[in-house]
N, C-alpha and C. Protein backbone atom coordinates (compact mmCIF):
# COMPACT_ATOMS: atom_id res chain seq x y z
N MET A 1 11.46 -0.35 -21.18
CA MET A 1 10.84 -1.23 -20.77
C MET A 1 10.04 -2.03 -21.72
N THR A 2 10.31 -3.50 -21.06
CA THR A 2 9.65 -4.68 -21.95
C THR A 2 8.86 -5.37 -20.87
N ALA A 3 7.67 -5.52 -21.11
CA ALA A 3 6.46 -5.92 -20.16
C ALA A 3 5.64 -7.34 -20.95
N ARG A 4 5.13 -7.86 -20.29
CA ARG A 4 4.31 -9.28 -20.76
C ARG A 4 3.09 -8.89 -19.44
N ILE A 5 2.22 -8.77 -19.89
CA ILE A 5 0.79 -8.51 -19.74
C ILE A 5 0.05 -9.89 -19.67
N THR A 6 -0.54 -10.69 -18.48
CA THR A 6 -0.90 -11.75 -18.74
C THR A 6 -2.64 -11.76 -17.91
N GLY A 7 -3.31 -12.92 -18.12
CA GLY A 7 -4.78 -12.53 -18.29
C GLY A 7 -6.00 -12.50 -19.16
N ARG A 8 -6.70 -11.96 -18.98
CA ARG A 8 -7.89 -11.57 -20.08
C ARG A 8 -7.48 -10.48 -20.68
N VAL A 9 -6.76 -10.61 -21.46
CA VAL A 9 -6.11 -9.14 -22.18
C VAL A 9 -6.02 -9.24 -23.90
N GLN A 10 -6.49 -10.05 -24.54
CA GLN A 10 -6.86 -9.90 -25.80
C GLN A 10 -8.18 -10.24 -26.03
N GLY A 11 -8.66 -9.71 -27.27
CA GLY A 11 -10.17 -9.49 -27.65
C GLY A 11 -10.69 -8.45 -26.52
N VAL A 12 -10.24 -7.75 -25.95
CA VAL A 12 -11.02 -6.67 -24.94
C VAL A 12 -10.39 -5.10 -25.32
N GLY A 13 -9.26 -5.23 -26.55
CA GLY A 13 -8.81 -3.61 -26.77
C GLY A 13 -7.93 -3.44 -26.09
N PHE A 14 -7.45 -4.42 -25.72
CA PHE A 14 -5.60 -3.95 -24.37
C PHE A 14 -4.77 -3.30 -25.66
N ARG A 15 -4.69 -4.01 -26.42
CA ARG A 15 -3.41 -3.38 -27.57
C ARG A 15 -3.42 -1.87 -27.61
N TRP A 16 -5.04 -1.57 -28.66
CA TRP A 16 -5.33 -0.06 -28.47
C TRP A 16 -5.29 0.82 -27.37
N TRP A 17 -5.80 0.30 -26.51
CA TRP A 17 -5.70 0.80 -25.14
C TRP A 17 -4.61 1.25 -24.68
N VAL A 18 -3.42 0.41 -24.77
CA VAL A 18 -1.82 0.56 -24.20
C VAL A 18 -1.44 1.79 -25.56
N ARG A 19 -1.48 1.26 -26.61
CA ARG A 19 -0.96 2.59 -27.29
C ARG A 19 -1.69 4.11 -27.18
N ARG A 20 -2.82 4.12 -26.98
CA ARG A 20 -3.35 5.43 -26.42
C ARG A 20 -2.59 5.82 -25.13
N GLN A 21 -2.39 5.10 -24.22
CA GLN A 21 -2.01 5.64 -22.90
C GLN A 21 -0.70 5.96 -23.70
N ALA A 22 0.39 5.00 -23.90
CA ALA A 22 2.12 5.05 -24.19
C ALA A 22 1.71 6.90 -25.19
N THR A 23 0.95 6.98 -26.26
CA THR A 23 1.08 7.63 -26.76
C THR A 23 0.62 9.47 -25.94
N LEU A 24 -0.25 9.31 -25.31
CA LEU A 24 -0.54 10.24 -24.29
C LEU A 24 0.70 10.59 -23.25
N LEU A 25 1.36 9.58 -22.80
CA LEU A 25 2.59 9.92 -22.35
C LEU A 25 3.96 10.06 -22.87
N GLU A 26 3.85 10.10 -24.13
CA GLU A 26 4.91 10.66 -25.32
C GLU A 26 6.02 9.73 -25.26
N LEU A 27 5.16 8.37 -25.18
CA LEU A 27 6.05 6.67 -25.27
C LEU A 27 6.56 6.40 -26.81
N THR A 28 7.22 6.00 -27.28
CA THR A 28 7.67 5.09 -28.17
C THR A 28 7.95 3.70 -27.95
N GLY A 29 7.57 2.82 -29.25
CA GLY A 29 7.74 1.70 -28.84
C GLY A 29 6.75 1.15 -29.61
N TRP A 30 6.37 -0.33 -29.13
CA TRP A 30 5.18 -1.16 -29.73
C TRP A 30 4.63 -2.06 -28.62
N VAL A 31 3.43 -2.45 -29.15
CA VAL A 31 2.63 -3.70 -28.23
C VAL A 31 1.69 -4.72 -29.48
N MET A 32 1.94 -6.15 -28.80
CA MET A 32 0.97 -6.84 -29.62
C MET A 32 0.86 -8.15 -28.97
N ASN A 33 -0.20 -8.86 -29.33
CA ASN A 33 -0.55 -9.83 -28.80
C ASN A 33 0.19 -11.25 -28.50
N GLY A 34 0.57 -11.58 -27.24
CA GLY A 34 1.59 -12.60 -27.29
C GLY A 34 0.63 -13.83 -28.01
N HIS A 35 1.92 -14.98 -28.08
CA HIS A 35 1.04 -16.21 -29.41
C HIS A 35 0.34 -17.10 -28.44
N ASP A 36 0.84 -17.18 -26.79
CA ASP A 36 -0.29 -18.16 -26.03
C ASP A 36 -1.69 -17.75 -25.90
N GLU A 37 -2.34 -16.49 -26.86
CA GLU A 37 -3.65 -15.97 -26.68
C GLU A 37 -3.61 -15.85 -25.07
N ARG A 38 -3.07 -15.64 -24.10
CA ARG A 38 -3.86 -14.83 -22.83
C ARG A 38 -2.25 -13.93 -22.38
N SER A 39 -1.74 -13.46 -23.62
CA SER A 39 -1.04 -12.52 -22.77
C SER A 39 -0.68 -11.18 -23.99
N VAL A 40 -0.54 -10.25 -23.25
CA VAL A 40 0.18 -8.72 -24.49
C VAL A 40 1.51 -8.38 -23.84
N GLU A 41 2.56 -8.08 -25.07
CA GLU A 41 3.74 -8.18 -24.65
C GLU A 41 3.98 -6.65 -25.36
N LEU A 42 5.01 -5.47 -24.94
CA LEU A 42 5.09 -4.36 -25.11
C LEU A 42 6.69 -4.01 -24.77
N ILE A 43 7.01 -3.09 -25.85
CA ILE A 43 7.97 -2.25 -25.85
C ILE A 43 8.02 -0.91 -25.61
N ALA A 44 8.61 -0.83 -24.55
CA ALA A 44 8.09 0.95 -24.31
C ALA A 44 9.79 1.97 -23.91
N GLU A 45 9.51 3.11 -24.57
CA GLU A 45 10.64 3.90 -24.34
C GLU A 45 10.30 5.41 -24.01
N GLY A 46 11.12 6.06 -23.42
CA GLY A 46 10.83 7.42 -22.89
C GLY A 46 11.17 8.01 -21.48
N ARG A 47 10.43 8.99 -21.17
CA ARG A 47 10.84 9.58 -19.81
C ARG A 47 10.93 8.53 -18.48
N PRO A 48 11.45 7.96 -17.44
CA PRO A 48 11.40 7.03 -16.67
C PRO A 48 9.71 7.30 -15.55
N SER A 49 9.64 8.58 -15.72
CA SER A 49 8.27 8.99 -14.90
C SER A 49 7.10 8.21 -15.68
N SER A 50 7.18 8.38 -17.15
CA SER A 50 6.02 8.30 -17.99
C SER A 50 5.62 6.53 -17.86
N LEU A 51 7.30 6.26 -17.77
CA LEU A 51 7.21 4.55 -18.05
C LEU A 51 6.41 3.40 -16.70
N ASP A 52 7.05 4.72 -15.43
CA ASP A 52 6.57 4.33 -14.08
C ASP A 52 4.40 4.18 -14.06
N GLU A 53 4.51 5.28 -15.07
CA GLU A 53 3.20 5.48 -14.92
C GLU A 53 2.46 4.70 -15.66
N LEU A 54 2.90 4.18 -16.93
CA LEU A 54 2.11 3.13 -17.78
C LEU A 54 2.64 1.79 -16.86
N GLU A 55 3.44 1.41 -16.65
CA GLU A 55 3.49 0.04 -15.59
C GLU A 55 2.49 0.09 -14.34
N GLY A 56 2.08 1.16 -13.97
CA GLY A 56 1.11 1.41 -12.89
C GLY A 56 -0.61 1.14 -13.75
N MET A 57 -0.43 1.68 -14.91
CA MET A 57 -1.66 1.57 -15.73
C MET A 57 -1.99 -0.06 -15.92
N LEU A 58 -0.79 -0.44 -16.54
CA LEU A 58 -0.94 -1.73 -17.26
C LEU A 58 -1.76 -2.83 -15.98
N LYS A 59 -1.55 -2.70 -14.56
CA LYS A 59 -1.62 -3.60 -13.77
C LYS A 59 -3.24 -3.76 -13.77
N HIS A 60 -4.18 -2.93 -14.41
CA HIS A 60 -5.46 -2.61 -14.46
C HIS A 60 -6.11 -3.12 -15.60
N GLY A 61 -5.09 -2.05 -16.62
CA GLY A 61 -6.21 -2.40 -18.01
C GLY A 61 -7.19 -1.74 -18.40
N PRO A 62 -7.82 -1.89 -19.69
CA PRO A 62 -9.28 -1.02 -20.02
C PRO A 62 -10.21 -2.36 -19.13
N SER A 63 -11.26 -1.64 -19.30
CA SER A 63 -12.81 -2.31 -19.14
C SER A 63 -12.66 -2.98 -19.65
N GLY A 64 -13.07 -4.39 -19.03
CA GLY A 64 -13.57 -5.56 -19.80
C GLY A 64 -11.86 -6.48 -19.53
N ALA A 65 -10.91 -5.98 -19.54
CA ALA A 65 -9.52 -6.85 -19.37
C ALA A 65 -9.52 -7.39 -18.05
N ARG A 66 -8.92 -8.14 -17.53
CA ARG A 66 -8.85 -8.84 -16.39
C ARG A 66 -7.04 -9.33 -16.15
N VAL A 67 -6.46 -8.50 -15.50
CA VAL A 67 -5.11 -8.79 -15.52
C VAL A 67 -5.02 -9.38 -14.49
N GLU A 68 -3.91 -10.91 -14.96
CA GLU A 68 -3.48 -11.47 -13.62
C GLU A 68 -2.03 -11.52 -13.19
N GLY A 69 -1.34 -10.70 -14.33
CA GLY A 69 0.32 -10.38 -14.01
C GLY A 69 0.74 -9.73 -15.05
N VAL A 70 1.66 -8.86 -14.30
CA VAL A 70 2.86 -7.99 -15.25
C VAL A 70 3.72 -8.37 -15.05
N SER A 71 4.64 -8.74 -15.68
CA SER A 71 6.31 -8.95 -15.69
C SER A 71 6.56 -7.78 -16.61
N ALA A 72 7.48 -6.95 -15.95
CA ALA A 72 8.33 -5.49 -16.57
C ALA A 72 9.56 -5.58 -16.10
N ARG A 73 10.55 -4.95 -17.19
CA ARG A 73 12.12 -4.97 -16.41
C ARG A 73 12.46 -3.93 -17.39
N ARG A 74 13.20 -3.17 -16.96
CA ARG A 74 14.08 -1.88 -17.78
C ARG A 74 15.14 -2.19 -18.00
N GLU A 75 15.43 -1.86 -19.37
CA GLU A 75 16.53 -1.96 -20.17
C GLU A 75 17.26 -0.51 -20.89
N PRO A 76 18.38 -0.34 -21.27
CA PRO A 76 18.69 1.05 -21.85
C PRO A 76 17.47 0.85 -23.23
N ALA A 77 17.36 2.36 -23.42
CA ALA A 77 16.48 2.72 -24.55
C ALA A 77 17.35 2.40 -25.86
N SER A 78 16.85 1.73 -26.82
CA SER A 78 17.43 1.65 -28.52
C SER A 78 17.28 3.39 -28.93
N GLY A 79 16.38 3.57 -28.34
CA GLY A 79 15.96 4.97 -29.75
C GLY A 79 15.77 4.77 -30.75
N GLU A 80 15.29 3.45 -31.31
CA GLU A 80 15.02 3.13 -32.93
C GLU A 80 13.47 3.42 -33.40
N PHE A 81 12.19 3.65 -32.42
CA PHE A 81 11.28 3.90 -32.73
C PHE A 81 10.80 5.72 -32.53
N GLU A 82 10.14 5.52 -33.50
CA GLU A 82 9.56 7.17 -33.76
C GLU A 82 8.28 7.50 -33.66
N GLY A 83 7.43 6.19 -32.83
CA GLY A 83 5.99 6.38 -32.61
C GLY A 83 5.66 5.14 -31.70
N PHE A 84 4.30 5.07 -31.26
CA PHE A 84 4.37 3.83 -30.53
C PHE A 84 3.24 3.11 -31.35
N GLY A 85 3.10 2.08 -31.60
CA GLY A 85 2.54 1.29 -32.99
C GLY A 85 1.81 -0.37 -32.29
N ILE A 86 1.31 -0.71 -33.16
CA ILE A 86 0.51 -2.14 -32.63
C ILE A 86 1.21 -2.77 -33.82
N VAL A 87 1.94 -3.93 -32.96
CA VAL A 87 2.28 -5.24 -34.05
C VAL A 87 1.22 -6.23 -34.32
N ARG A 88 0.85 -6.80 -35.47
CA ARG A 88 0.63 -7.89 -35.88
C ARG A 88 0.88 -8.91 -35.74
N SER A 89 0.54 -10.20 -34.96
CA SER A 89 1.52 -11.19 -34.68
C SER A 89 0.69 -12.26 -35.52
């Protein structure tokens, strides 16, 4: 899954929250702040049910965040990730 989350999602621990949720769901991939200062982007791979669960969670985010939109699409997994990390932009 590739996703872009917009709203007040930077400076509120959103990337750390995503990493924790993805790890608990046994997903691999990465999350990073978008360059526009209003978005977070991620790639997640794993079981379809876990991806569905993460996508649902992204619509609410952690406390302090205000999610205005989630754009997500599914593509075949690359299998290149060993864990779930935070990319510094």
